[in-house]
């Protein structure tokens, strides 16, 4: 089973975007938009104290007719934050996300924020693992006759349309 460390290594952007708890919600949304992320880790004095997401904004600001320029992040953030360690398995992360209806998990090691994983990161990693397994099985099945096409549903081997095409 893969770990959070392996997922973090494959992320193209390893930046963890944070915001101070006393910042305005408007600042948080502007930062999310600029960074093209759906969540920010909220800090007080460098310590993680919560997480603020687009969902928090929609439910706790827009639907309650609050002003994003005068509402602070600490008023709408989700706290305490649910987090994982770098050694946590990806299956455990998926289970946590499903059970608690969250899409982002900060990664904390020794009290220090070292990353963040999203449901998208985990799904992408799962797909890559499955594709690797499919490729390995195809190689095994083909054996010494590797020039023979297969019908496996992979990105590299389209399904032949007719039997004649298959053996052509």
Protein backbone atom coordinates (compact mmCIF):
# COMPACT_ATOMS: atom_id res chain seq x y z
CA UNK A 1 0.00 0.00 0.00
CA UNK A 2 1.26 3.47 -0.90
CA UNK A 3 1.86 6.16 1.70
CA UNK A 4 1.26 9.90 1.80
CA UNK A 5 5.01 10.40 1.31
CA UNK A 6 4.80 8.66 -2.08
CA UNK A 7 1.81 10.80 -3.10
CA UNK A 8 3.57 14.01 -2.07
CA UNK A 9 6.65 13.07 -4.13
CA UNK A 10 4.54 12.82 -7.30
CA UNK A 11 2.80 16.20 -6.90
CA UNK A 12 3.92 18.72 -9.50
CA UNK A 13 3.35 21.65 -7.10
CA UNK A 14 4.48 20.83 -3.59
CA UNK A 15 3.62 24.29 -2.22
CA UNK A 16 1.37 24.30 0.83
CA UNK A 17 -0.65 27.51 0.84
CA UNK A 18 -1.40 28.92 4.27
CA UNK A 19 -3.23 31.94 5.62
CA UNK A 20 -3.33 33.62 9.02
CA UNK A 21 -6.50 33.07 11.03
CA UNK A 22 -7.09 36.83 11.32
CA UNK A 23 -6.95 37.45 7.56
CA UNK A 24 -10.19 38.36 5.83
CA UNK A 25 -12.16 35.76 3.95
CA UNK A 26 -11.75 37.96 0.87
CA UNK A 27 -7.95 37.64 1.17
CA UNK A 28 -8.32 33.87 1.52
CA UNK A 29 -10.50 33.58 -1.59
CA UNK A 30 -8.13 35.81 -3.56
CA UNK A 31 -5.18 33.61 -2.53
CA UNK A 32 -7.08 30.42 -3.44
CA UNK A 33 -7.96 31.88 -6.83
CA UNK A 34 -4.40 33.03 -7.54
CA UNK A 35 -2.89 29.69 -6.43
CA UNK A 36 -5.67 27.69 -8.14
CA UNK A 37 -6.34 25.62 -5.00
CA UNK A 38 -9.53 24.74 -3.15
CA UNK A 39 -8.23 24.98 0.42
CA UNK A 40 -5.78 26.86 2.61
CA UNK A 41 -4.26 25.68 5.85
CA UNK A 42 -5.02 28.23 8.58
CA UNK A 43 -2.26 29.18 11.01
CA UNK A 44 -1.77 31.23 14.15
CA UNK A 45 1.84 32.09 14.90
CA UNK A 46 2.99 29.44 12.44
CA UNK A 47 0.97 26.67 14.13
CA UNK A 48 -1.80 24.88 12.20
CA UNK A 49 -5.20 25.64 13.74
CA UNK A 50 -7.67 24.86 10.95
CA UNK A 51 -8.44 24.70 7.27
CA UNK A 52 -10.59 26.96 5.11
CA UNK A 53 -12.11 25.70 1.88
CA UNK A 54 -14.29 26.92 -0.96
CA UNK A 55 -17.06 24.90 0.67
CA UNK A 56 -16.66 26.86 3.92
CA UNK A 57 -16.95 30.09 1.94
CA UNK A 58 -20.08 28.97 0.13
CA UNK A 59 -21.86 27.68 3.22
CA UNK A 60 -20.69 30.11 5.90
CA UNK A 61 -20.36 33.38 3.98
CA UNK A 62 -22.45 33.41 0.81
CA UNK A 63 -25.46 31.48 2.12
CA UNK A 64 -25.49 33.54 5.33
CA UNK A 65 -25.15 36.90 3.53
CA UNK A 66 -21.91 37.74 5.33
CA UNK A 67 -19.36 40.20 3.97
CA UNK A 68 -16.13 38.53 2.88
CA UNK A 69 -14.07 41.70 3.50
CA UNK A 70 -15.11 41.98 7.16
CA UNK A 71 -15.40 38.29 8.06
CA UNK A 72 -12.18 36.69 9.28
CA UNK A 73 -10.92 33.28 8.27
CA UNK A 74 -11.10 32.02 11.88
CA UNK A 75 -14.86 32.69 11.86
CA UNK A 76 -15.51 30.23 9.03
CA UNK A 77 -12.60 27.76 9.11
CA UNK A 78 -13.03 24.11 9.96
CA UNK A 79 -11.33 23.36 13.27
CA UNK A 80 -9.85 21.32 14.68
CA UNK A 81 -8.24 20.26 11.44
CA UNK A 82 -8.09 16.59 10.54
CA UNK A 83 -4.54 15.72 9.46
CA UNK A 84 -2.36 12.76 8.55
CA UNK A 85 1.31 11.87 8.85
CA UNK A 86 3.63 11.12 5.93
CA UNK A 87 3.48 7.42 6.88
CA UNK A 88 -0.32 7.23 6.64
CA UNK A 89 -1.50 4.84 3.92
CA UNK A 90 -3.46 6.16 0.96
CA UNK A 91 -6.32 3.76 1.73
CA UNK A 92 -6.57 5.26 5.22
CA UNK A 93 -6.63 8.78 3.74
CA UNK A 94 -9.44 7.81 1.36
CA UNK A 95 -11.39 6.28 4.25
CA UNK A 96 -10.96 9.43 6.37
CA UNK A 97 -12.03 11.68 3.52
CA UNK A 98 -15.08 9.56 2.78
CA UNK A 99 -16.13 9.16 6.40
CA UNK A 100 -15.73 12.83 7.31
CA UNK A 101 -16.72 14.36 3.94
CA UNK A 102 -13.47 16.28 3.49
CA UNK A 103 -11.41 16.81 0.34
CA UNK A 104 -8.09 17.98 1.80
CA UNK A 105 -5.82 16.59 4.51
CA UNK A 106 -2.84 18.57 5.83
CA UNK A 107 0.23 16.39 6.35
CA UNK A 108 1.92 17.04 9.69
CA UNK A 109 5.12 15.50 10.99
CA UNK A 110 6.61 16.37 14.36
CA UNK A 111 4.16 19.25 14.74
CA UNK A 112 5.31 20.78 11.45
CA UNK A 113 3.21 21.18 8.28
CA UNK A 114 5.00 19.25 5.51
CA UNK A 115 2.34 19.01 2.79
CA UNK A 116 -1.30 18.65 1.89
CA UNK A 117 -3.08 15.90 -0.03
CA UNK A 118 -6.37 16.31 -1.84
CA UNK A 119 -8.83 13.72 -3.02
CA UNK A 120 -7.60 14.50 -6.54
CA UNK A 121 -4.01 13.69 -5.56
CA UNK A 122 -5.11 10.35 -4.11
CA UNK A 123 -7.26 9.40 -7.09
CA UNK A 124 -4.46 10.32 -9.53
CA UNK A 125 -2.03 8.16 -7.53
CA UNK A 126 -4.50 5.26 -7.47
CA UNK A 127 -4.99 5.45 -11.24
CA UNK A 128 -1.21 5.44 -11.77
CA UNK A 129 -0.85 2.37 -9.53
CA UNK A 130 -3.62 0.56 -11.39
CA UNK A 131 -2.11 1.44 -14.77
CA UNK A 132 1.25 0.07 -13.61
CA UNK A 133 -0.43 -3.19 -12.52
CA UNK A 134 -2.24 -3.46 -15.88
CA UNK A 135 1.03 -2.89 -17.75
CA UNK A 136 2.78 -5.57 -15.66
CA UNK A 137 -0.03 -8.07 -16.25
CA UNK A 138 -0.01 -7.36 -19.99
CA UNK A 139 3.73 -7.99 -20.12
CA UNK A 140 3.29 -11.23 -18.20
CA UNK A 141 0.39 -12.44 -20.39
CA UNK A 142 2.18 -11.61 -23.65
CA UNK A 143 5.27 -13.51 -22.61
CA UNK A 144 7.71 -14.17 -25.46
CA UNK A 145 5.08 -13.18 -28.06
CA UNK A 146 5.12 -9.50 -27.17
CA UNK A 147 4.42 -8.45 -30.77
CA UNK A 148 0.88 -9.85 -30.51
CA UNK A 149 -1.69 -7.10 -29.81
CA UNK A 150 -3.95 -7.42 -26.78
CA UNK A 151 -7.47 -6.32 -25.97
CA UNK A 152 -6.52 -4.91 -22.56
CA UNK A 153 -8.07 -1.53 -21.85
CA UNK A 154 -4.94 0.57 -21.54
CA UNK A 155 -3.98 3.88 -22.98
CA UNK A 156 -1.40 2.24 -25.25
CA UNK A 157 -3.40 -0.70 -26.64
CA UNK A 158 -6.64 0.22 -28.41
CA UNK A 159 -9.20 -2.55 -28.83
CA UNK A 160 -9.04 -4.00 -32.37
CA UNK A 161 -12.22 -3.43 -34.37
CA UNK A 162 -12.21 -6.78 -36.15
CA UNK A 163 -10.50 -10.13 -35.86
CA UNK A 164 -8.69 -9.46 -39.16
CA UNK A 165 -7.22 -6.20 -37.75
CA UNK A 166 -6.13 -8.02 -34.63
CA UNK A 167 -3.92 -10.48 -36.50
CA UNK A 168 -2.92 -8.22 -39.37
